[in-house]
Amino acid sequence: MPLAATLDGYATTAPGVESLLADELAGLGIAPGATEPGGVAFAATRAQLADALLWLRTANRVVVRIAKFHARSFAELERHAARVGWGDVIGAGGAVHFRVTSKKSRLYHEDGIAERLERGVAGAISDVRSVRAPSAAEAMEADVTEPPAVQRIVVRVMRDEMTLSADAAGALLHLRGYRQAVAKAPLRETLASAVLLASGWEPDTPLLDPMCGSGTIPIEAAMMSRRMAPGRARRFSAESWPGFDGAFAAARDRARAMEFPRARAPIVGRDRDAGAIEAARANAERAGVAADVDFGQATISALTADGGAGWVVTNPPYGARIGERAVLRDLYAVLGRVLREQRPGWNFAMLSADRMLEGQMQLKLEEVLKTANGGIPVRIARSKQ
């Protein structure tokens, strides 16, 4: 059965960020559906799916459902697999990888499920190649500027109901294509965007990150300020699906027409580490925003006063990652003092993993949302003037 005119999509994100993702979908004119921990369902046309892949800033992956059925035996599974419209998402001579999870079902052997589905693909498409090891599939997607070589099919089996979804993105969506140089404890692009969106910062307002590392927060802010699609420099699995030939070209044309030539407000990144600043500048160059972000080496205590209005948004080090607790207490105390004395009229937002360290800042902070960064529970906290 061919893909319907309206596609059954699902976008995944970090737990706690679902409301931001739903707002992003709505902003693209895509009505968000059911929300569950880690994701948001939606229905979209082909043009809207292309827009979602180009524009979603907080999504990790976008999939499209291609089949749903009950199967309590391998024979039943094989009958259903023979009727799936594999050619809608996999071309002749292509490669496919099945990522299977099975819970509370009679078919619990995940490799066995993948094997039967592979037979179904082989019976429908000539010269198709199966990639069984996930690491091999990921390795073939390393270059996000090229279409993925392997089509991933996500298979979820729950209480004998099997759902097959084609990964429309390919490599994870936080891979924008610009962050090749990294500093210590790099922040994912999707989480940096979540901090900016949750903070209340507006893209026409000045922004400073005093501990910018490899520059992810300022770069994502510059892209927002210029209204640049985060997926503008990469390719997606769905671009090779039949019926999508013109959808992505049109989406990219629309995105380019919406861009501003420069950031609408000053965006500044500072870090005490010279190597981090060098990495940040290289990343900004690849992202196309080198002229929009003022990167420079400086300690927090060296930040000068600014009596205007703006935002300080940052991801300070956590005790679980680097340094000793006493050193971090001093760092947070200095940050709080500088904010009070040098930026008294500015709003502030941060990723935080430790309320004790927050207390060293002597700021009244409110929690916006909870999520995780590299497996560490964190919260986005802010102080608005």
Protein backbone atom coordinates (compact mmCIF):
# COMPACT_ATOMS: atom_id res chain seq x y z
CA MET A 1 0.00 0.00 0.00
CA PRO A 2 1.57 3.35 -1.01
CA LEU A 3 2.12 6.14 1.47
CA ALA A 4 -1.04 8.19 2.00
CA ALA A 5 -1.28 11.86 1.04
CA THR A 6 -1.31 12.66 4.76
CA LEU A 7 1.62 11.00 6.53
CA ASP A 8 1.47 9.58 10.05
CA GLY A 9 4.56 11.11 11.64
CA TYR A 10 6.25 11.04 15.01
CA ALA A 11 9.06 13.29 16.26
CA THR A 12 11.25 12.28 19.19
CA THR A 13 12.96 14.61 21.61
CA ALA A 14 14.62 14.60 25.02
CA PRO A 15 12.19 13.82 27.87
CA GLY A 16 10.80 17.07 29.25
CA VAL A 17 11.15 18.97 25.96
CA GLU A 18 7.91 17.68 24.39
CA SER A 19 5.97 20.93 24.86
CA LEU A 20 8.66 22.91 23.03
CA LEU A 21 8.60 20.40 20.17
CA ALA A 22 4.79 20.58 19.96
CA ASP A 23 5.02 24.38 19.78
CA GLU A 24 7.58 24.10 16.98
CA LEU A 25 5.29 21.83 14.98
CA ALA A 26 2.37 24.20 15.48
CA GLY A 27 4.56 27.10 14.34
CA LEU A 28 5.14 25.26 11.07
CA GLY A 29 1.41 24.86 10.55
CA ILE A 30 1.51 21.17 11.55
CA ALA A 31 -1.08 20.29 14.17
CA PRO A 32 0.63 18.28 16.94
CA GLY A 33 -1.17 15.13 18.01
CA ALA A 34 -0.73 12.92 21.05
CA THR A 35 2.25 13.68 23.26
CA GLU A 36 4.05 11.05 25.29
CA PRO A 37 7.37 11.08 27.16
CA GLY A 38 10.06 11.62 24.55
CA GLY A 39 7.93 12.43 21.53
CA VAL A 40 5.02 14.07 19.73
CA ALA A 41 2.79 12.54 17.03
CA PHE A 42 1.65 14.59 14.05
CA ALA A 43 -0.01 14.31 10.64
CA ALA A 44 1.65 16.06 7.69
CA THR A 45 1.71 16.35 3.95
CA ARG A 46 4.94 15.65 2.09
CA ALA A 47 5.67 19.39 1.95
CA GLN A 48 5.08 19.72 5.69
CA LEU A 49 7.33 16.75 6.44
CA ALA A 50 10.12 18.40 4.45
CA ASP A 51 9.56 21.63 6.42
CA ALA A 52 9.64 19.72 9.71
CA LEU A 53 12.95 18.06 8.90
CA LEU A 54 14.48 21.37 7.87
CA TRP A 55 13.12 23.49 10.72
CA LEU A 56 12.63 21.47 13.91
CA ARG A 57 15.28 22.61 16.39
CA THR A 58 14.50 20.36 19.37
CA ALA A 59 13.65 17.06 17.59
CA ASN A 60 16.14 14.19 17.66
CA ARG A 61 14.47 12.04 15.01
CA VAL A 62 11.39 12.08 12.76
CA VAL A 63 9.76 8.85 11.59
CA VAL A 64 6.79 8.04 9.35
CA ARG A 65 4.60 4.99 9.99
CA ILE A 66 4.46 2.64 7.00
CA ALA A 67 2.56 -0.32 8.50
CA LYS A 68 0.74 -1.51 11.61
CA PHE A 69 -0.58 -5.03 12.24
CA HIS A 70 -0.96 -7.83 14.77
CA ALA A 71 1.40 -10.81 14.62
CA ARG A 72 1.58 -13.62 17.14
CA SER A 73 3.71 -16.01 15.08
CA PHE A 74 6.55 -15.74 12.59
CA ALA A 75 4.30 -17.15 9.86
CA GLU A 76 1.79 -14.37 10.49
CA LEU A 77 4.58 -11.82 10.53
CA GLU A 78 5.89 -13.03 7.16
CA ARG A 79 2.42 -12.75 5.58
CA HIS A 80 2.10 -9.14 6.74
CA ALA A 81 5.70 -8.29 5.76
CA ALA A 82 5.00 -9.39 2.19
CA ARG A 83 2.23 -6.78 1.95
CA VAL A 84 4.18 -3.78 3.31
CA GLY A 85 4.89 -1.04 0.75
CA TRP A 86 8.67 -1.27 1.12
CA GLY A 87 9.23 0.44 -2.23
CA ASP A 88 7.80 3.67 -0.82
CA VAL A 89 10.91 4.17 1.31
CA ILE A 90 13.60 1.83 -0.09
CA GLY A 91 14.86 1.86 -3.66
CA ALA A 92 16.29 -0.97 -5.77
CA GLY A 93 19.90 -1.63 -4.82
CA GLY A 94 19.42 0.16 -1.51
CA ALA A 95 20.24 -0.87 2.04
CA VAL A 96 17.98 -1.27 5.06
CA HIS A 97 18.50 -1.67 8.79
CA PHE A 98 15.76 -2.81 11.17
CA ARG A 99 15.90 -1.54 14.74
CA VAL A 100 13.53 -3.79 16.70
CA THR A 101 12.19 -3.59 20.24
CA SER A 102 9.64 -6.11 21.51
CA LYS A 103 7.82 -6.05 24.83
CA LYS A 104 5.00 -8.17 26.28
CA SER A 105 4.60 -10.03 22.97
CA ARG A 106 4.72 -13.67 21.81
CA LEU A 107 7.33 -12.64 19.25
CA TYR A 108 10.06 -11.61 21.63
CA HIS A 109 13.17 -12.61 19.63
CA GLU A 110 14.17 -9.27 18.12
CA ASP A 111 16.76 -10.68 15.70
CA GLY A 112 14.19 -13.21 14.48
CA ILE A 113 11.70 -10.41 13.83
CA ALA A 114 14.31 -8.46 11.88
CA GLU A 115 15.19 -11.54 9.83
CA ARG A 116 11.56 -12.08 8.73
CA LEU A 117 11.16 -8.43 7.83
CA GLU A 118 14.37 -8.57 5.80
CA ARG A 119 12.88 -11.46 3.83
CA GLY A 120 9.82 -9.33 3.14
CA VAL A 121 11.97 -6.52 1.77
CA ALA A 122 14.06 -8.92 -0.34
CA GLY A 123 10.89 -10.36 -1.88
CA ALA A 124 9.62 -6.91 -2.86
CA ILE A 125 12.78 -5.04 -3.95
CA SER A 126 15.64 -6.26 -6.10
CA ASP A 127 19.25 -6.14 -4.92
CA VAL A 128 18.35 -4.78 -1.49
CA ARG A 129 21.04 -5.14 1.15
CA SER A 130 20.40 -5.64 4.87
CA VAL A 131 22.64 -4.07 7.50
CA ARG A 132 22.28 -6.01 10.72
CA ALA A 133 24.73 -4.17 12.99
CA PRO A 134 23.47 -0.73 14.15
CA SER A 135 27.03 0.55 14.36
CA ALA A 136 27.53 -0.12 10.66
CA ALA A 137 24.37 1.77 9.78
CA GLU A 138 25.42 4.73 11.89
CA ALA A 139 28.89 4.75 10.35
CA MET A 140 27.39 4.97 6.88
CA GLU A 141 25.48 8.09 7.95
CA ALA A 142 28.49 9.97 9.25
CA ASP A 143 28.47 12.58 6.46
CA VAL A 144 25.24 14.49 7.01
CA THR A 145 25.75 16.56 3.85
CA GLU A 146 25.03 13.46 1.74
CA PRO A 147 21.82 11.38 1.65
CA PRO A 148 22.03 8.47 4.14
CA ALA A 149 23.17 5.21 2.56
CA VAL A 150 21.03 3.04 4.84
CA GLN A 151 17.28 3.35 5.37
CA ARG A 152 16.47 2.66 9.00
CA ILE A 153 13.12 1.05 9.83
CA VAL A 154 12.08 1.37 13.48
CA VAL A 155 10.02 -1.62 14.59
CA ARG A 156 8.06 -1.47 17.84
CA VAL A 157 6.22 -4.56 19.09
CA MET A 158 3.92 -4.15 22.08
CA ARG A 159 1.36 -6.79 23.13
CA ASP A 160 1.62 -8.47 19.71
CA GLU A 161 0.89 -5.23 17.82
CA MET A 162 3.70 -4.36 15.43
CA THR A 163 4.34 -0.81 14.21
CA LEU A 164 6.84 -0.19 11.39
CA SER A 165 8.13 3.35 10.90
CA ALA A 166 10.63 4.64 8.37
CA ASP A 167 13.24 7.03 9.71
CA ALA A 168 12.74 10.18 7.62
CA ALA A 169 15.80 11.96 8.98
CA GLY A 170 18.74 9.56 8.76
CA ALA A 171 21.42 10.81 11.11
CA LEU A 172 20.09 12.33 14.34
CA LEU A 173 18.74 15.83 13.82
CA HIS A 174 21.11 17.45 16.30
CA LEU A 175 23.79 16.88 13.64
CA ARG A 176 23.36 20.16 11.78
CA GLY A 177 26.62 19.73 9.89
CA TYR A 178 28.57 22.58 11.49
CA ARG A 179 29.89 21.26 14.80
CA GLN A 180 33.09 19.47 13.84
CA ALA A 181 35.33 21.18 16.39
CA VAL A 182 34.35 20.56 20.01
CA ALA A 183 35.49 21.67 23.43
CA LYS A 184 35.22 19.81 26.73
CA ALA A 185 31.70 18.50 27.52
CA PRO A 186 30.02 19.73 24.30
CA LEU A 187 26.31 20.58 24.36
CA ARG A 188 24.02 19.03 21.75
CA GLU A 189 22.53 21.50 19.31
CA THR A 190 18.99 20.35 20.08
CA LEU A 191 19.45 20.94 23.81
CA ALA A 192 21.04 24.34 23.21
CA SER A 193 17.96 25.28 21.18
CA ALA A 194 15.71 23.98 23.94
CA VAL A 195 17.45 26.23 26.48
CA LEU A 196 17.02 29.24 24.21
CA LEU A 197 13.36 28.51 23.43
CA ALA A 198 12.46 27.73 27.04
CA SER A 199 14.25 30.76 28.45
CA GLY A 200 11.98 33.30 26.79
CA TRP A 201 14.82 34.92 24.86
CA GLU A 202 13.63 36.70 21.72
CA PRO A 203 15.78 36.55 18.54
CA ASP A 204 15.89 40.37 18.30
CA THR A 205 17.37 40.72 21.80
CA PRO A 206 21.11 40.80 22.69
CA LEU A 207 22.53 37.55 24.05
CA LEU A 208 25.73 36.65 25.90
CA ASP A 209 27.11 33.21 26.74
CA PRO A 210 30.06 33.74 29.13
CA MET A 211 31.05 30.03 29.09
CA CYS A 212 30.34 29.21 25.46
CA GLY A 213 32.72 26.26 24.96
CA SER A 214 32.61 25.31 21.27
CA GLY A 215 29.91 27.91 20.71
CA THR A 216 26.73 25.86 20.42
CA ILE A 217 24.40 28.24 22.29
CA PRO A 218 25.56 31.43 20.49
CA ILE A 219 25.55 29.67 17.10
CA GLU A 220 22.03 28.30 17.59
CA ALA A 221 20.96 31.77 18.77
CA ALA A 222 22.47 33.38 15.68
CA MET A 223 20.65 30.93 13.44
CA MET A 224 17.39 31.75 15.21
CA SER A 225 18.06 35.48 14.96
CA ARG A 226 18.70 35.15 11.23
CA ARG A 227 15.74 32.78 10.86
CA MET A 228 17.94 30.10 9.36
CA ALA A 229 16.62 26.55 9.07
CA PRO A 230 18.84 24.33 11.27
CA GLY A 231 18.76 21.53 8.69
CA ARG A 232 19.76 23.74 5.79
CA ALA A 233 23.24 22.17 5.34
CA ARG A 234 22.34 18.49 5.55
CA ARG A 235 20.39 15.79 3.73
CA PHE A 236 17.65 13.44 4.90
CA SER A 237 16.55 9.87 4.24
CA ALA A 238 13.12 10.99 3.00
CA GLU A 239 14.73 12.88 0.11
CA SER A 240 15.25 9.54 -1.65
CA TRP A 241 11.65 8.35 -1.14
CA PRO A 242 9.46 8.23 -4.27
CA GLY A 243 7.11 11.19 -4.47
CA PHE A 244 9.42 13.50 -2.52
CA ASP A 245 11.53 14.68 -5.48
CA GLY A 246 10.41 18.30 -5.41
CA ALA A 247 9.30 18.58 -1.79
CA PHE A 248 12.73 19.25 -0.32
CA ALA A 249 13.89 21.58 -3.09
CA ALA A 250 10.76 23.67 -2.57
CA ALA A 251 11.22 23.60 1.21
CA ARG A 252 14.81 24.81 0.89
CA ASP A 253 13.73 27.59 -1.46
CA ARG A 254 11.12 28.72 1.09
CA ALA A 255 13.69 28.58 3.87
CA ARG A 256 16.26 30.65 1.97
CA ALA A 257 13.64 33.28 1.14
CA MET A 258 12.87 33.71 4.86
CA GLU A 259 16.45 34.29 6.03
CA PHE A 260 17.62 37.63 7.34
CA PRO A 261 21.02 38.77 6.03
CA ARG A 262 22.37 39.43 9.54
CA ALA A 263 21.48 38.64 13.13
CA ARG A 264 18.89 41.05 14.48
CA ALA A 265 20.79 41.70 17.72
CA PRO A 266 24.33 41.39 19.09
CA ILE A 267 25.28 37.83 20.03
CA VAL A 268 28.43 37.31 22.09
CA GLY A 269 30.31 34.18 23.15
CA ARG A 270 33.12 34.19 25.70
CA ASP A 271 35.24 31.45 27.22
CA ARG A 272 38.47 31.44 29.21
CA ASP A 273 39.89 28.64 27.04
CA ALA A 274 41.57 29.76 23.84
CA GLY A 275 41.07 26.35 22.22
CA ALA A 276 37.33 26.52 22.88
CA ILE A 277 37.10 29.93 21.21
CA GLU A 278 39.05 28.67 18.21
CA ALA A 279 36.62 25.74 17.91
CA ALA A 280 33.63 28.05 18.29
CA ARG A 281 34.82 30.31 15.49
CA ALA A 282 35.40 27.35 13.17
CA ASN A 283 31.92 26.00 13.92
CA ALA A 284 30.32 29.40 13.36
CA GLU A 285 32.07 29.64 10.00
CA ARG A 286 30.64 26.28 8.92
CA ALA A 287 27.20 27.30 10.18
CA GLY A 288 27.29 30.47 8.08
CA VAL A 289 27.04 32.81 11.09
CA ALA A 290 30.70 33.76 11.65
CA ALA A 291 29.88 37.45 11.09
CA ASP A 292 26.93 37.29 13.49
CA VAL A 293 28.68 36.13 16.68
CA ASP A 294 31.42 37.98 18.54
CA PHE A 295 33.59 35.22 20.01
CA GLY A 296 36.48 36.12 22.31
CA GLN A 297 38.63 34.74 25.10
CA ALA A 298 37.78 36.11 28.55
CA THR A 299 37.17 34.99 32.11
CA ILE A 300 33.78 35.56 33.71
CA SER A 301 35.21 38.16 36.09
CA ALA A 302 36.58 40.13 33.13
CA LEU A 303 33.13 40.75 31.63
CA THR A 304 32.41 44.46 31.42
CA ALA A 305 29.26 46.24 32.50
CA ASP A 306 26.32 46.64 30.13
CA GLY A 307 23.42 48.69 31.32
CA GLY A 308 21.10 47.72 28.51
CA ALA A 309 18.61 44.89 28.31
CA GLY A 310 19.39 41.41 27.10
CA TRP A 311 19.90 37.78 28.07
CA VAL A 312 22.76 35.78 29.53
CA VAL A 313 22.23 32.14 28.54
CA THR A 314 24.83 29.53 29.39
CA ASN A 315 25.67 25.92 30.25
CA PRO A 316 28.14 26.06 33.15
CA PRO A 317 30.15 22.97 34.13
CA TYR A 318 28.48 20.46 36.46
CA GLY A 319 30.19 18.77 39.35
CA ALA A 320 29.61 15.38 37.70
CA ARG A 321 31.66 16.36 34.68
CA ILE A 322 34.75 18.41 35.43
CA GLY A 323 36.61 20.02 38.28
CA GLU A 324 36.29 19.78 42.04
CA ARG A 325 33.27 20.97 43.97
CA ALA A 326 35.10 23.79 45.74
CA VAL A 327 36.33 25.19 42.42
CA LEU A 328 32.82 25.03 40.97
CA ARG A 329 31.35 26.79 44.02
CA ASP A 330 33.73 29.66 43.39
CA LEU A 331 32.89 29.69 39.68
CA TYR A 332 29.14 29.91 40.32
CA ALA A 333 29.65 32.58 42.98
CA VAL A 334 31.68 34.71 40.55
CA LEU A 335 29.05 34.24 37.85
CA GLY A 336 26.30 35.40 40.20
CA ARG A 337 28.30 38.42 41.31
CA VAL A 338 29.06 39.46 37.73
CA LEU A 339 25.40 39.12 36.77
CA ARG A 340 24.30 41.25 39.71
CA GLU A 341 26.99 43.91 39.28
CA GLN A 342 27.77 44.00 35.55
CA ARG A 343 24.43 42.96 34.01
CA PRO A 344 21.79 43.99 36.56
CA GLY A 345 19.08 44.64 33.96
CA TRP A 346 19.65 41.42 32.05
CA ASN A 347 17.65 38.20 32.16
CA PHE A 348 19.47 34.95 32.85
CA ALA A 349 18.94 31.28 31.91
CA MET A 350 21.08 28.23 32.45
CA LEU A 351 21.27 24.46 32.39
CA SER A 352 21.78 23.27 35.96
CA ALA A 353 22.46 19.88 37.48
CA ASP A 354 23.06 20.98 41.07
CA ARG A 355 20.84 23.25 43.19
CA MET A 356 23.62 23.69 45.72
CA LEU A 357 25.84 25.22 43.05
CA GLU A 358 22.92 27.37 41.90
CA GLY A 359 22.64 28.71 45.44
CA GLN A 360 26.17 30.10 45.23
CA MET A 361 24.91 32.59 42.62
CA GLN A 362 22.48 34.29 45.02
CA LEU A 363 19.88 34.72 42.28
CA LYS A 364 16.18 33.95 42.43
CA LEU A 365 15.77 31.23 39.83
CA GLU A 366 12.61 29.57 38.56
CA GLU A 367 12.51 26.14 36.97
CA VAL A 368 11.25 26.08 33.38
CA LEU A 369 11.60 22.38 32.59
CA LYS A 370 13.53 19.25 33.48
CA THR A 371 15.44 17.09 31.01
CA ALA A 372 18.83 15.36 30.75
CA ASN A 373 22.21 16.21 29.26
CA GLY A 374 24.53 13.31 28.51
CA GLY A 375 22.59 11.12 30.92
CA ILE A 376 22.80 13.70 33.72
CA PRO A 377 19.44 15.00 35.05
CA VAL A 378 19.35 18.76 34.51
CA ARG A 379 16.86 21.56 34.66
CA ILE A 380 16.52 24.78 32.72
CA ALA A 381 16.32 27.58 35.23
CA ARG A 382 15.95 31.30 34.63
CA SER A 383 15.82 34.67 36.35
CA LYS A 384 13.72 37.28 34.54
CA GLN A 385 13.96 40.98 35.28
